[in-house]
Amino acid sequence: MKAKELRGLSNEELMGKLEELRKQLMDLVFKKRTQIEKPHLFKQTKKDIAKILTVLRERKLR
């Protein structure tokens, strides 16, 4: 997910995406306890969450 793509979304869409990614991260944490096939998804999901929060913060400061 690119920051440029995120800037084209509305605040409501960003908040929905943020909730979705946070749920995905929680699922990954629970799967980590047992077995996870794609460990790179932790890093990718955390970065996507940070990008969304950055775009929301940029909009708030304008």
N, C-alpha and C. Protein backbone atom coordinates (compact mmCIF):
# COMPACT_ATOMS: atom_id res chain seq x y z
N MET A 1 0.84 -1.16 0.00
CA MET A 1 0.00 0.00 0.00
C MET A 1 0.90 1.24 0.00
N LYS A 2 0.68 2.10 -0.95
CA LYS A 2 1.50 3.30 -1.08
C LYS A 2 0.80 4.48 -0.42
N ALA A 3 1.60 5.41 0.10
CA ALA A 3 1.05 6.59 0.76
C ALA A 3 0.26 7.43 -0.24
N LYS A 4 0.70 7.46 -1.49
CA LYS A 4 0.00 8.23 -2.52
C LYS A 4 -1.42 7.69 -2.71
N GLU A 5 -1.57 6.38 -2.69
CA GLU A 5 -2.89 5.77 -2.81
C GLU A 5 -3.76 6.12 -1.60
N LEU A 6 -3.15 6.14 -0.44
CA LEU A 6 -3.89 6.43 0.79
C LEU A 6 -4.39 7.86 0.82
N ARG A 7 -3.61 8.78 0.27
CA ARG A 7 -4.02 10.19 0.26
C ARG A 7 -5.26 10.41 -0.60
N GLY A 8 -5.53 9.51 -1.52
CA GLY A 8 -6.71 9.63 -2.38
C GLY A 8 -7.99 9.13 -1.71
N LEU A 9 -7.87 8.49 -0.57
CA LEU A 9 -9.04 7.96 0.14
C LEU A 9 -9.61 9.00 1.10
N SER A 10 -10.89 8.87 1.41
CA SER A 10 -11.52 9.76 2.37
C SER A 10 -11.14 9.33 3.79
N ASN A 11 -11.43 10.19 4.75
CA ASN A 11 -11.12 9.88 6.15
C ASN A 11 -11.86 8.63 6.62
N GLU A 12 -13.12 8.49 6.19
CA GLU A 12 -13.91 7.33 6.60
C GLU A 12 -13.31 6.04 6.04
N GLU A 13 -12.86 6.10 4.78
CA GLU A 13 -12.24 4.92 4.17
C GLU A 13 -10.94 4.57 4.87
N LEU A 14 -10.18 5.60 5.24
CA LEU A 14 -8.92 5.37 5.95
C LEU A 14 -9.17 4.75 7.33
N MET A 15 -10.17 5.24 8.02
CA MET A 15 -10.48 4.69 9.34
C MET A 15 -10.94 3.23 9.22
N GLY A 16 -11.71 2.92 8.19
CA GLY A 16 -12.14 1.55 7.96
C GLY A 16 -10.96 0.64 7.67
N LYS A 17 -10.05 1.13 6.84
CA LYS A 17 -8.85 0.37 6.49
C LYS A 17 -7.98 0.17 7.73
N LEU A 18 -7.89 1.20 8.57
CA LEU A 18 -7.10 1.12 9.79
C LEU A 18 -7.66 0.04 10.72
N GLU A 19 -8.97 0.01 10.89
CA GLU A 19 -9.60 -1.03 11.73
C GLU A 19 -9.33 -2.42 11.16
N GLU A 20 -9.44 -2.54 9.85
CA GLU A 20 -9.19 -3.82 9.19
C GLU A 20 -7.76 -4.30 9.42
N LEU A 21 -6.80 -3.39 9.30
CA LEU A 21 -5.40 -3.75 9.48
C LEU A 21 -5.09 -4.10 10.94
N ARG A 22 -5.71 -3.38 11.86
CA ARG A 22 -5.49 -3.70 13.28
C ARG A 22 -6.04 -5.08 13.63
N LYS A 23 -7.19 -5.43 13.05
CA LYS A 23 -7.74 -6.77 13.27
C LYS A 23 -6.82 -7.82 12.67
N GLN A 24 -6.29 -7.51 11.48
CA GLN A 24 -5.37 -8.45 10.82
C GLN A 24 -4.12 -8.65 11.67
N LEU A 25 -3.61 -7.58 12.26
CA LEU A 25 -2.43 -7.68 13.12
C LEU A 25 -2.72 -8.53 14.35
N MET A 26 -3.90 -8.36 14.94
CA MET A 26 -4.26 -9.17 16.11
C MET A 26 -4.36 -10.64 15.72
N ASP A 27 -4.94 -10.92 14.56
CA ASP A 27 -5.02 -12.30 14.09
C ASP A 27 -3.62 -12.89 13.91
N LEU A 28 -2.70 -12.08 13.39
CA LEU A 28 -1.33 -12.56 13.20
C LEU A 28 -0.66 -12.86 14.53
N VAL A 29 -0.94 -12.02 15.53
CA VAL A 29 -0.36 -12.24 16.86
C VAL A 29 -0.85 -13.56 17.43
N PHE A 30 -2.15 -13.84 17.28
CA PHE A 30 -2.69 -15.10 17.79
C PHE A 30 -2.13 -16.29 17.02
N LYS A 31 -1.98 -16.14 15.71
CA LYS A 31 -1.42 -17.23 14.91
C LYS A 31 0.05 -17.47 15.25
N LYS A 32 0.74 -16.40 15.64
CA LYS A 32 2.15 -16.52 16.00
C LYS A 32 2.33 -17.48 17.16
N ARG A 33 1.36 -17.51 18.04
CA ARG A 33 1.42 -18.40 19.20
C ARG A 33 1.45 -19.86 18.75
N THR A 34 0.76 -20.16 17.67
CA THR A 34 0.71 -21.54 17.19
C THR A 34 1.69 -21.73 16.04
N GLN A 35 1.31 -21.21 14.90
CA GLN A 35 2.18 -21.35 13.73
C GLN A 35 1.77 -20.31 12.71
N ILE A 36 2.75 -19.69 12.08
CA ILE A 36 2.46 -18.69 11.07
C ILE A 36 3.28 -19.02 9.83
N GLU A 37 2.63 -18.93 8.69
CA GLU A 37 3.29 -19.29 7.45
C GLU A 37 4.05 -18.12 6.84
N LYS A 38 3.57 -16.91 7.07
CA LYS A 38 4.17 -15.74 6.44
C LYS A 38 4.55 -14.70 7.50
N PRO A 39 5.70 -14.85 8.12
CA PRO A 39 6.09 -13.92 9.19
C PRO A 39 6.32 -12.49 8.71
N HIS A 40 6.56 -12.29 7.43
CA HIS A 40 6.78 -10.94 6.92
C HIS A 40 5.53 -10.07 7.00
N LEU A 41 4.38 -10.69 7.20
CA LEU A 41 3.14 -9.92 7.27
C LEU A 41 3.07 -9.04 8.51
N PHE A 42 3.78 -9.40 9.59
CA PHE A 42 3.83 -8.54 10.78
C PHE A 42 4.39 -7.17 10.42
N LYS A 43 5.55 -7.18 9.82
CA LYS A 43 6.23 -5.93 9.47
C LYS A 43 5.41 -5.12 8.47
N GLN A 44 4.88 -5.79 7.46
CA GLN A 44 4.11 -5.12 6.42
C GLN A 44 2.84 -4.49 7.00
N THR A 45 2.15 -5.21 7.85
CA THR A 45 0.91 -4.70 8.45
C THR A 45 1.20 -3.51 9.35
N LYS A 46 2.25 -3.59 10.15
CA LYS A 46 2.61 -2.47 11.02
C LYS A 46 2.96 -1.23 10.21
N LYS A 47 3.66 -1.41 9.10
CA LYS A 47 4.03 -0.28 8.25
C LYS A 47 2.79 0.34 7.60
N ASP A 48 1.85 -0.50 7.17
CA ASP A 48 0.62 0.01 6.57
C ASP A 48 -0.19 0.81 7.58
N ILE A 49 -0.25 0.34 8.81
CA ILE A 49 -0.95 1.07 9.87
C ILE A 49 -0.28 2.42 10.09
N ALA A 50 1.04 2.45 10.13
CA ALA A 50 1.77 3.70 10.33
C ALA A 50 1.53 4.67 9.18
N LYS A 51 1.47 4.17 7.96
CA LYS A 51 1.21 5.04 6.80
C LYS A 51 -0.16 5.69 6.90
N ILE A 52 -1.16 4.89 7.28
CA ILE A 52 -2.52 5.43 7.41
C ILE A 52 -2.57 6.49 8.50
N LEU A 53 -1.94 6.22 9.64
CA LEU A 53 -1.93 7.19 10.73
C LEU A 53 -1.20 8.47 10.32
N THR A 54 -0.15 8.34 9.52
CA THR A 54 0.59 9.51 9.03
C THR A 54 -0.29 10.37 8.14
N VAL A 55 -1.00 9.74 7.22
CA VAL A 55 -1.88 10.49 6.31
C VAL A 55 -2.99 11.19 7.10
N LEU A 56 -3.57 10.50 8.07
CA LEU A 56 -4.61 11.12 8.90
C LEU A 56 -4.06 12.31 9.68
N ARG A 57 -2.86 12.17 10.18
CA ARG A 57 -2.22 13.27 10.94
C ARG A 57 -1.92 14.45 10.03
N GLU A 58 -1.46 14.18 8.81
CA GLU A 58 -1.20 15.26 7.85
C GLU A 58 -2.47 16.06 7.59
N ARG A 59 -3.58 15.36 7.43
CA ARG A 59 -4.84 16.03 7.15
C ARG A 59 -5.30 16.86 8.35
N LYS A 60 -5.05 16.36 9.53
CA LYS A 60 -5.46 17.08 10.74
C LYS A 60 -4.67 18.39 10.89
N LEU A 61 -3.41 18.38 10.48
CA LEU A 61 -2.57 19.55 10.63
C LEU A 61 -2.84 20.64 9.58
N ARG A 62 -3.48 20.28 8.51
CA ARG A 62 -3.77 21.28 7.46
C ARG A 62 -4.87 22.19 7.83
